[in-house]
Amino acid sequence: ATVFVDCHSMYRKEGPAELRCIGETEFANGV
């Protein structure tokens, strides 16, 4: 098993700035 760790990856391009980090979790969850 592995743990994915924050690296400012695949942040959302649009939407409220404070919520763009959600894109990274969505990306890692897809993997």
Full PDB file with SEQRES, HELIX, SHEET, SSBOND, CRYST1, ORIGX, SCALE, CONECT and MASTER records, all heavy atoms in Angstrom:
SEQRES   1 A   31  ALA THR VAL PHE VAL ASP CYS HIS SER MET TYR ARG LYS          
SEQRES   2 A   31  GLU GLY PRO ALA GLU LEU ARG CYS ILE GLY GLU THR GLU          
SEQRES   3 A   31  PHE ALA ASN GLY VAL                                          
HELIX    1 AA1 ALA A   17  LEU A   19  5                                   3    
HELIX    2 AA2 ILE A   22  GLY A   30  1                                   9    
CRYST1    1.000    1.000    1.000  90.00  90.00  90.00 P 1           1          
ORIGX1      1.000000  0.000000  0.000000        0.00000                         
ORIGX2      0.000000  1.000000  0.000000        0.00000                         
ORIGX3      0.000000  0.000000  1.000000        0.00000                         
SCALE1      1.000000  0.000000  0.000000        0.00000                         
SCALE2      0.000000  1.000000  0.000000        0.00000                         
SCALE3      0.000000  0.000000  1.000000        0.00000                         
ATOM      1  N   ALA A   1       0.851  -1.193   0.000  1.00  0.00           N  
ATOM      2  CA  ALA A   1       0.000   0.000   0.000  1.00  0.00           C  
ATOM      3  C   ALA A   1       0.884   1.239   0.000  1.00  0.00           C  
ATOM      4  O   ALA A   1       2.059   1.178   0.377  1.00  0.00           O  
ATOM      5  CB  ALA A   1      -0.931   0.018   1.212  1.00  0.00           C  
ATOM      6  N   THR A   2       0.302   2.356  -0.432  1.00  0.00           N  
ATOM      7  CA  THR A   2       1.033   3.626  -0.413  1.00  0.00           C  
ATOM      8  C   THR A   2       0.126   4.738   0.090  1.00  0.00           C  
ATOM      9  O   THR A   2      -1.103   4.609   0.102  1.00  0.00           O  
ATOM     10  CB  THR A   2       1.552   4.023  -1.811  1.00  0.00           C  
ATOM     11  OG1 THR A   2       0.459   4.478  -2.622  1.00  0.00           O  
ATOM     12  CG2 THR A   2       2.266   2.869  -2.509  1.00  0.00           C  
ATOM     13  N   VAL A   3       0.750   5.831   0.479  1.00  0.00           N  
ATOM     14  CA  VAL A   3       0.045   7.044   0.884  1.00  0.00           C  
ATOM     15  C   VAL A   3       0.449   8.161  -0.071  1.00  0.00           C  
ATOM     16  O   VAL A   3       1.645   8.458  -0.205  1.00  0.00           O  
ATOM     17  CB  VAL A   3       0.363   7.441   2.334  1.00  0.00           C  
ATOM     18  CG1 VAL A   3      -0.341   8.744   2.714  1.00  0.00           C  
ATOM     19  CG2 VAL A   3      -0.024   6.320   3.298  1.00  0.00           C  
ATOM     20  N   PHE A   4      -0.518   8.744  -0.733  1.00  0.00           N  
ATOM     21  CA  PHE A   4      -0.270   9.904  -1.592  1.00  0.00           C  
ATOM     22  C   PHE A   4      -0.185  11.147  -0.712  1.00  0.00           C  
ATOM     23  O   PHE A   4      -1.011  11.341   0.181  1.00  0.00           O  
ATOM     24  CB  PHE A   4      -1.411  10.071  -2.596  1.00  0.00           C  
ATOM     25  CG  PHE A   4      -1.356  11.357  -3.380  1.00  0.00           C  
ATOM     26  CD1 PHE A   4      -0.676  11.427  -4.583  1.00  0.00           C  
ATOM     27  CD2 PHE A   4      -1.971  12.506  -2.904  1.00  0.00           C  
ATOM     28  CE1 PHE A   4      -0.611  12.611  -5.300  1.00  0.00           C  
ATOM     29  CE2 PHE A   4      -1.914  13.704  -3.611  1.00  0.00           C  
ATOM     30  CZ  PHE A   4      -1.232  13.751  -4.814  1.00  0.00           C  
ATOM     31  N   VAL A   5       0.800  11.998  -0.999  1.00  0.00           N  
ATOM     32  CA  VAL A   5       1.002  13.196  -0.178  1.00  0.00           C  
ATOM     33  C   VAL A   5       1.005  14.450  -1.045  1.00  0.00           C  
ATOM     34  O   VAL A   5       1.584  14.473  -2.146  1.00  0.00           O  
ATOM     35  CB  VAL A   5       2.310  13.099   0.634  1.00  0.00           C  
ATOM     36  CG1 VAL A   5       2.546  14.374   1.439  1.00  0.00           C  
ATOM     37  CG2 VAL A   5       2.261  11.890   1.570  1.00  0.00           C  
ATOM     38  N   ASP A   6       0.371  15.460  -0.539  1.00  0.00           N  
ATOM     39  CA  ASP A   6       0.249  16.804  -1.118  1.00  0.00           C  
ATOM     40  C   ASP A   6       1.463  17.234  -1.923  1.00  0.00           C  
ATOM     41  O   ASP A   6       2.594  17.172  -1.443  1.00  0.00           O  
ATOM     42  CB  ASP A   6       0.015  17.783   0.047  1.00  0.00           C  
ATOM     43  CG  ASP A   6       0.702  19.123  -0.139  1.00  0.00           C  
ATOM     44  OD1 ASP A   6       0.201  19.927  -0.933  1.00  0.00           O  
ATOM     45  OD2 ASP A   6       1.734  19.348   0.522  1.00  0.00           O  
ATOM     46  N   CYS A   7       1.207  17.681  -3.149  1.00  0.00           N  
ATOM     47  CA  CYS A   7       2.282  18.235  -3.981  1.00  0.00           C  
ATOM     48  C   CYS A   7       1.726  19.252  -4.976  1.00  0.00           C  
ATOM     49  O   CYS A   7       2.310  19.480  -6.023  1.00  0.00           O  
ATOM     50  CB  CYS A   7       3.043  17.131  -4.714  1.00  0.00           C  
ATOM     51  SG  CYS A   7       2.004  16.000  -5.670  1.00  0.00           S  
ATOM     52  N   HIS A   8       0.548  19.833  -4.654  1.00  0.00           N  
ATOM     53  CA  HIS A   8      -0.093  20.836  -5.510  1.00  0.00           C  
ATOM     54  C   HIS A   8      -0.312  20.272  -6.914  1.00  0.00           C  
ATOM     55  O   HIS A   8       0.002  20.915  -7.922  1.00  0.00           O  
ATOM     56  CB  HIS A   8       0.725  22.126  -5.559  1.00  0.00           C  
ATOM     57  CG  HIS A   8      -0.072  23.335  -5.949  1.00  0.00           C  
ATOM     58  ND1 HIS A   8      -0.225  23.741  -7.243  1.00  0.00           N  
ATOM     59  CD2 HIS A   8      -0.779  24.222  -5.197  1.00  0.00           C  
ATOM     60  CE1 HIS A   8      -0.975  24.829  -7.293  1.00  0.00           C  
ATOM     61  NE2 HIS A   8      -1.335  25.133  -6.049  1.00  0.00           N  
ATOM     62  N   SER A   9      -0.862  19.073  -6.958  1.00  0.00           N  
ATOM     63  CA  SER A   9      -1.072  18.377  -8.221  1.00  0.00           C  
ATOM     64  C   SER A   9      -2.551  18.383  -8.607  1.00  0.00           C  
ATOM     65  O   SER A   9      -3.415  18.079  -7.784  1.00  0.00           O  
ATOM     66  CB  SER A   9      -0.587  16.934  -8.105  1.00  0.00           C  
ATOM     67  OG  SER A   9      -0.693  16.257  -9.322  1.00  0.00           O  
ATOM     68  N   MET A  10      -2.826  18.714  -9.848  1.00  0.00           N  
ATOM     69  CA  MET A  10      -4.175  18.635 -10.420  1.00  0.00           C  
ATOM     70  C   MET A  10      -5.205  19.476  -9.667  1.00  0.00           C  
ATOM     71  O   MET A  10      -6.378  19.110  -9.555  1.00  0.00           O  
ATOM     72  CB  MET A  10      -4.652  17.178 -10.487  1.00  0.00           C  
ATOM     73  CG  MET A  10      -3.748  16.264 -11.273  1.00  0.00           C  
ATOM     74  SD  MET A  10      -3.669  16.707 -13.021  1.00  0.00           S  
ATOM     75  CE  MET A  10      -2.519  15.479 -13.639  1.00  0.00           C  
ATOM     76  N   TYR A  11      -4.785  20.617  -9.153  1.00  0.00           N  
ATOM     77  CA  TYR A  11      -5.758  21.524  -8.546  1.00  0.00           C  
ATOM     78  C   TYR A  11      -6.773  21.955  -9.609  1.00  0.00           C  
ATOM     79  O   TYR A  11      -6.453  22.053 -10.800  1.00  0.00           O  
ATOM     80  CB  TYR A  11      -5.054  22.770  -7.994  1.00  0.00           C  
ATOM     81  CG  TYR A  11      -4.502  22.618  -6.600  1.00  0.00           C  
ATOM     82  CD1 TYR A  11      -4.052  21.387  -6.124  1.00  0.00           C  
ATOM     83  CD2 TYR A  11      -4.419  23.717  -5.748  1.00  0.00           C  
ATOM     84  CE1 TYR A  11      -3.538  21.260  -4.840  1.00  0.00           C  
ATOM     85  CE2 TYR A  11      -3.900  23.593  -4.464  1.00  0.00           C  
ATOM     86  CZ  TYR A  11      -3.467  22.362  -4.022  1.00  0.00           C  
ATOM     87  OH  TYR A  11      -2.953  22.238  -2.753  1.00  0.00           O  
ATOM     88  N   ARG A  12      -7.979  22.218  -9.173  1.00  0.00           N  
ATOM     89  CA  ARG A  12      -9.003  22.690 -10.104  1.00  0.00           C  
ATOM     90  C   ARG A  12      -8.596  24.041 -10.700  1.00  0.00           C  
ATOM     91  O   ARG A  12      -8.032  24.887 -10.012  1.00  0.00           O  
ATOM     92  CB  ARG A  12     -10.336  22.838  -9.377  1.00  0.00           C  
ATOM     93  CG  ARG A  12     -10.962  21.527  -8.905  1.00  0.00           C  
ATOM     94  CD  ARG A  12     -12.201  21.799  -8.064  1.00  0.00           C  
ATOM     95  NE  ARG A  12     -12.850  20.568  -7.629  1.00  0.00           N  
ATOM     96  CZ  ARG A  12     -13.894  20.537  -6.799  1.00  0.00           C  
ATOM     97  NH1 ARG A  12     -14.380  21.673  -6.303  1.00  0.00           N  
ATOM     98  NH2 ARG A  12     -14.441  19.382  -6.457  1.00  0.00           N  
ATOM     99  N   LYS A  13      -8.937  24.222 -11.953  1.00  0.00           N  
ATOM    100  CA  LYS A  13      -8.621  25.475 -12.622  1.00  0.00           C  
ATOM    101  C   LYS A  13      -9.617  26.569 -12.255  1.00  0.00           C  
ATOM    102  O   LYS A  13      -9.270  27.760 -12.236  1.00  0.00           O  
ATOM    103  CB  LYS A  13      -8.618  25.261 -14.135  1.00  0.00           C  
ATOM    104  CG  LYS A  13      -8.236  26.502 -14.935  1.00  0.00           C  
ATOM    105  CD  LYS A  13      -8.232  26.202 -16.423  1.00  0.00           C  
ATOM    106  CE  LYS A  13      -7.864  27.443 -17.243  1.00  0.00           C  
ATOM    107  NZ  LYS A  13      -7.856  27.155 -18.706  1.00  0.00           N  
ATOM    108  N   GLU A  14     -10.846  26.175 -11.963  1.00  0.00           N  
ATOM    109  CA  GLU A  14     -11.908  27.144 -11.715  1.00  0.00           C  
ATOM    110  C   GLU A  14     -12.536  26.917 -10.349  1.00  0.00           C  
ATOM    111  O   GLU A  14     -12.250  25.941  -9.673  1.00  0.00           O  
ATOM    112  CB  GLU A  14     -12.965  27.044 -12.826  1.00  0.00           C  
ATOM    113  CG  GLU A  14     -12.401  27.322 -14.217  1.00  0.00           C  
ATOM    114  CD  GLU A  14     -13.419  27.069 -15.319  1.00  0.00           C  
ATOM    115  OE1 GLU A  14     -14.424  26.369 -15.059  1.00  0.00           O  
ATOM    116  OE2 GLU A  14     -13.201  27.554 -16.445  1.00  0.00           O  
ATOM    117  N   GLY A  15     -13.410  27.838  -9.975  1.00  0.00           N  
ATOM    118  CA  GLY A  15     -14.106  27.752  -8.708  1.00  0.00           C  
ATOM    119  C   GLY A  15     -13.420  28.556  -7.626  1.00  0.00           C  
ATOM    120  O   GLY A  15     -12.360  29.157  -7.846  1.00  0.00           O  
ATOM    121  N   PRO A  16     -14.014  28.610  -6.426  1.00  0.00           N  
ATOM    122  CA  PRO A  16     -13.418  29.366  -5.324  1.00  0.00           C  
ATOM    123  C   PRO A  16     -11.989  28.917  -5.056  1.00  0.00           C  
ATOM    124  O   PRO A  16     -11.684  27.717  -5.040  1.00  0.00           O  
ATOM    125  CB  PRO A  16     -14.340  29.037  -4.145  1.00  0.00           C  
ATOM    126  CG  PRO A  16     -15.644  28.639  -4.772  1.00  0.00           C  
ATOM    127  CD  PRO A  16     -15.281  27.957  -6.050  1.00  0.00           C  
ATOM    128  N   ALA A  17     -11.109  29.852  -4.827  1.00  0.00           N  
ATOM    129  CA  ALA A  17      -9.690  29.540  -4.670  1.00  0.00           C  
ATOM    130  C   ALA A  17      -9.444  28.527  -3.556  1.00  0.00           C  
ATOM    131  O   ALA A  17      -8.602  27.628  -3.698  1.00  0.00           O  
ATOM    132  CB  ALA A  17      -8.908  30.827  -4.402  1.00  0.00           C  
ATOM    133  N   GLU A  18     -10.183  28.658  -2.446  1.00  0.00           N  
ATOM    134  CA  GLU A  18      -9.913  27.790  -1.303  1.00  0.00           C  
ATOM    135  C   GLU A  18     -10.332  26.339  -1.560  1.00  0.00           C  
ATOM    136  O   GLU A  18      -9.914  25.424  -0.845  1.00  0.00           O  
ATOM    137  CB  GLU A  18     -10.609  28.315  -0.044  1.00  0.00           C  
ATOM    138  CG  GLU A  18     -12.123  28.281  -0.075  1.00  0.00           C  
ATOM    139  CD  GLU A  18     -12.731  29.557  -0.656  1.00  0.00           C  
ATOM    140  OE1 GLU A  18     -11.989  30.315  -1.316  1.00  0.00           O  
ATOM    141  OE2 GLU A  18     -13.941  29.775  -0.452  1.00  0.00           O  
ATOM    142  N   LEU A  19     -11.182  26.122  -2.602  1.00  0.00           N  
ATOM    143  CA  LEU A  19     -11.659  24.777  -2.908  1.00  0.00           C  
ATOM    144  C   LEU A  19     -10.905  24.114  -4.055  1.00  0.00           C  
ATOM    145  O   LEU A  19     -11.146  22.946  -4.360  1.00  0.00           O  
ATOM    146  CB  LEU A  19     -13.154  24.808  -3.245  1.00  0.00           C  
ATOM    147  CG  LEU A  19     -14.097  25.161  -2.098  1.00  0.00           C  
ATOM    148  CD1 LEU A  19     -15.535  25.260  -2.612  1.00  0.00           C  
ATOM    149  CD2 LEU A  19     -14.004  24.117  -0.977  1.00  0.00           C  
ATOM    150  N   ARG A  20      -9.989  24.812  -4.673  1.00  0.00           N  
ATOM    151  CA  ARG A  20      -9.301  24.230  -5.831  1.00  0.00           C  
ATOM    152  C   ARG A  20      -8.417  23.054  -5.444  1.00  0.00           C  
ATOM    153  O   ARG A  20      -8.142  22.170  -6.250  1.00  0.00           O  
ATOM    154  CB  ARG A  20      -8.499  25.314  -6.550  1.00  0.00           C  
ATOM    155  CG  ARG A  20      -9.406  26.346  -7.203  1.00  0.00           C  
ATOM    156  CD  ARG A  20      -8.644  27.449  -7.923  1.00  0.00           C  
ATOM    157  NE  ARG A  20      -9.574  28.469  -8.403  1.00  0.00           N  
ATOM    158  CZ  ARG A  20      -9.220  29.579  -9.021  1.00  0.00           C  
ATOM    159  NH1 ARG A  20      -7.929  29.811  -9.248  1.00  0.00           N  
ATOM    160  NH2 ARG A  20     -10.128  30.442  -9.418  1.00  0.00           N  
ATOM    161  N   CYS A  21      -7.978  23.018  -4.176  1.00  0.00           N  
ATOM    162  CA  CYS A  21      -7.165  21.901  -3.694  1.00  0.00           C  
ATOM    163  C   CYS A  21      -7.923  20.581  -3.733  1.00  0.00           C  
ATOM    164  O   CYS A  21      -7.306  19.505  -3.702  1.00  0.00           O  
ATOM    165  CB  CYS A  21      -6.677  22.175  -2.278  1.00  0.00           C  
ATOM    166  SG  CYS A  21      -7.994  22.503  -1.079  1.00  0.00           S  
ATOM    167  N   ILE A  22      -9.260  20.629  -3.820  1.00  0.00           N  
ATOM    168  CA  ILE A  22     -10.062  19.408  -3.866  1.00  0.00           C  
ATOM    169  C   ILE A  22      -9.680  18.573  -5.087  1.00  0.00           C  
ATOM    170  O   ILE A  22      -9.750  17.338  -5.071  1.00  0.00           O  
ATOM    171  CB  ILE A  22     -11.574  19.733  -3.912  1.00  0.00           C  
ATOM    172  CG1 ILE A  22     -11.961  20.680  -2.767  1.00  0.00           C  
ATOM    173  CG2 ILE A  22     -12.412  18.460  -3.852  1.00  0.00           C  
ATOM    174  CD1 ILE A  22     -11.698  20.152  -1.398  1.00  0.00           C  
ATOM    175  N   GLY A  23      -9.245  19.243  -6.156  1.00  0.00           N  
ATOM    176  CA  GLY A  23      -8.866  18.522  -7.364  1.00  0.00           C  
ATOM    177  C   GLY A  23      -7.765  17.501  -7.122  1.00  0.00           C  
ATOM    178  O   GLY A  23      -7.746  16.431  -7.751  1.00  0.00           O  
ATOM    179  N   GLU A  24      -6.846  17.807  -6.230  1.00  0.00           N  
ATOM    180  CA  GLU A  24      -5.759  16.872  -5.944  1.00  0.00           C  
ATOM    181  C   GLU A  24      -6.290  15.597  -5.302  1.00  0.00           C  
ATOM    182  O   GLU A  24      -5.855  14.485  -5.636  1.00  0.00           O  
ATOM    183  CB  GLU A  24      -4.729  17.537  -5.035  1.00  0.00           C  
ATOM    184  CG  GLU A  24      -3.530  16.664  -4.726  1.00  0.00           C  
ATOM    185  CD  GLU A  24      -2.396  17.429  -4.074  1.00  0.00           C  
ATOM    186  OE1 GLU A  24      -2.624  18.007  -2.993  1.00  0.00           O  
ATOM    187  OE2 GLU A  24      -1.298  17.461  -4.646  1.00  0.00           O  
ATOM    188  N   THR A  25      -7.232  15.745  -4.387  1.00  0.00           N  
ATOM    189  CA  THR A  25      -7.825  14.573  -3.740  1.00  0.00           C  
ATOM    190  C   THR A  25      -8.621  13.758  -4.748  1.00  0.00           C  
ATOM    191  O   THR A  25      -8.558  12.518  -4.750  1.00  0.00           O  
ATOM    192  CB  THR A  25      -8.713  15.014  -2.569  1.00  0.00           C  
ATOM    193  OG1 THR A  25      -7.911  15.718  -1.619  1.00  0.00           O  
ATOM    194  CG2 THR A  25      -9.369  13.823  -1.891  1.00  0.00           C  
ATOM    195  N   GLU A  26      -9.364  14.422  -5.619  1.00  0.00           N  
ATOM    196  CA  GLU A  26     -10.119  13.713  -6.655  1.00  0.00           C  
ATOM    197  C   GLU A  26      -9.182  12.929  -7.566  1.00  0.00           C  
ATOM    198  O   GLU A  26      -9.465  11.782  -7.946  1.00  0.00           O  
ATOM    199  CB  GLU A  26     -10.945  14.715  -7.462  1.00  0.00           C  
ATOM    200  CG  GLU A  26     -12.059  15.374  -6.655  1.00  0.00           C  
ATOM    201  CD  GLU A  26     -12.725  16.538  -7.391  1.00  0.00           C  
ATOM    202  OE1 GLU A  26     -12.028  17.247  -8.140  1.00  0.00           O  
ATOM    203  OE2 GLU A  26     -13.944  16.723  -7.199  1.00  0.00           O  
ATOM    204  N   PHE A  27      -8.083  13.547  -7.940  1.00  0.00           N  
ATOM    205  CA  PHE A  27      -7.090  12.902  -8.795  1.00  0.00           C  
ATOM    206  C   PHE A  27      -6.500  11.669  -8.116  1.00  0.00           C  
ATOM    207  O   PHE A  27      -6.468  10.567  -8.689  1.00  0.00           O  
ATOM    208  CB  PHE A  27      -5.997  13.924  -9.127  1.00  0.00           C  
ATOM    209  CG  PHE A  27      -4.715  13.355  -9.638  1.00  0.00           C  
ATOM    210  CD1 PHE A  27      -4.681  12.567 -10.771  1.00  0.00           C  
ATOM    211  CD2 PHE A  27      -3.519  13.631  -8.981  1.00  0.00           C  
ATOM    212  CE1 PHE A  27      -3.481  12.046 -11.245  1.00  0.00           C  
ATOM    213  CE2 PHE A  27      -2.315  13.124  -9.446  1.00  0.00           C  
ATOM    214  CZ  PHE A  27      -2.296  12.320 -10.580  1.00  0.00           C  
ATOM    215  N   ALA A  28      -6.037  11.828  -6.882  1.00  0.00           N  
ATOM    216  CA  ALA A  28      -5.434  10.704  -6.165  1.00  0.00           C  
ATOM    217  C   ALA A  28      -6.454   9.599  -5.913  1.00  0.00           C  
ATOM    218  O   ALA A  28      -6.119   8.407  -5.971  1.00  0.00           O  
ATOM    219  CB  ALA A  28      -4.835  11.186  -4.844  1.00  0.00           C  
ATOM    220  N   ASN A  29      -7.687   9.976  -5.654  1.00  0.00           N  
ATOM    221  CA  ASN A  29      -8.728   8.978  -5.431  1.00  0.00           C  
ATOM    222  C   ASN A  29      -9.009   8.188  -6.704  1.00  0.00           C  
ATOM    223  O   ASN A  29      -9.319   6.991  -6.661  1.00  0.00           O  
ATOM    224  CB  ASN A  29     -10.005   9.650  -4.924  1.00  0.00           C  
ATOM    225  CG  ASN A  29     -11.040   8.640  -4.456  1.00  0.00           C  
ATOM    226  OD1 ASN A  29     -10.734   7.739  -3.677  1.00  0.00           O  
ATOM    227  ND2 ASN A  29     -12.258   8.777  -4.952  1.00  0.00           N  
ATOM    228  N   GLY A  30      -8.893   8.849  -7.851  1.00  0.00           N  
ATOM    229  CA  GLY A  30      -9.061   8.137  -9.115  1.00  0.00           C  
ATOM    230  C   GLY A  30      -7.964   7.103  -9.318  1.00  0.00           C  
ATOM    231  O   GLY A  30      -8.229   5.980  -9.774  1.00  0.00           O  
ATOM    232  N   VAL A  31      -6.737   7.473  -8.992  1.00  0.00           N  
ATOM    233  CA  VAL A  31      -5.632   6.518  -9.076  1.00  0.00           C  
ATOM    234  C   VAL A  31      -5.865   5.363  -8.107  1.00  0.00           C  
ATOM    235  O   VAL A  31      -5.647   4.190  -8.438  1.00  0.00           O  
ATOM    236  CB  VAL A  31      -4.294   7.213  -8.781  1.00  0.00           C  
ATOM    237  CG1 VAL A  31      -3.164   6.194  -8.658  1.00  0.00           C  
ATOM    238  CG2 VAL A  31      -3.978   8.230  -9.869  1.00  0.00           C  
TER     239      VAL A  31                                                      
MASTER        0    0    0    2    0    0    0    6  238    1    0    3          
END                                                                             
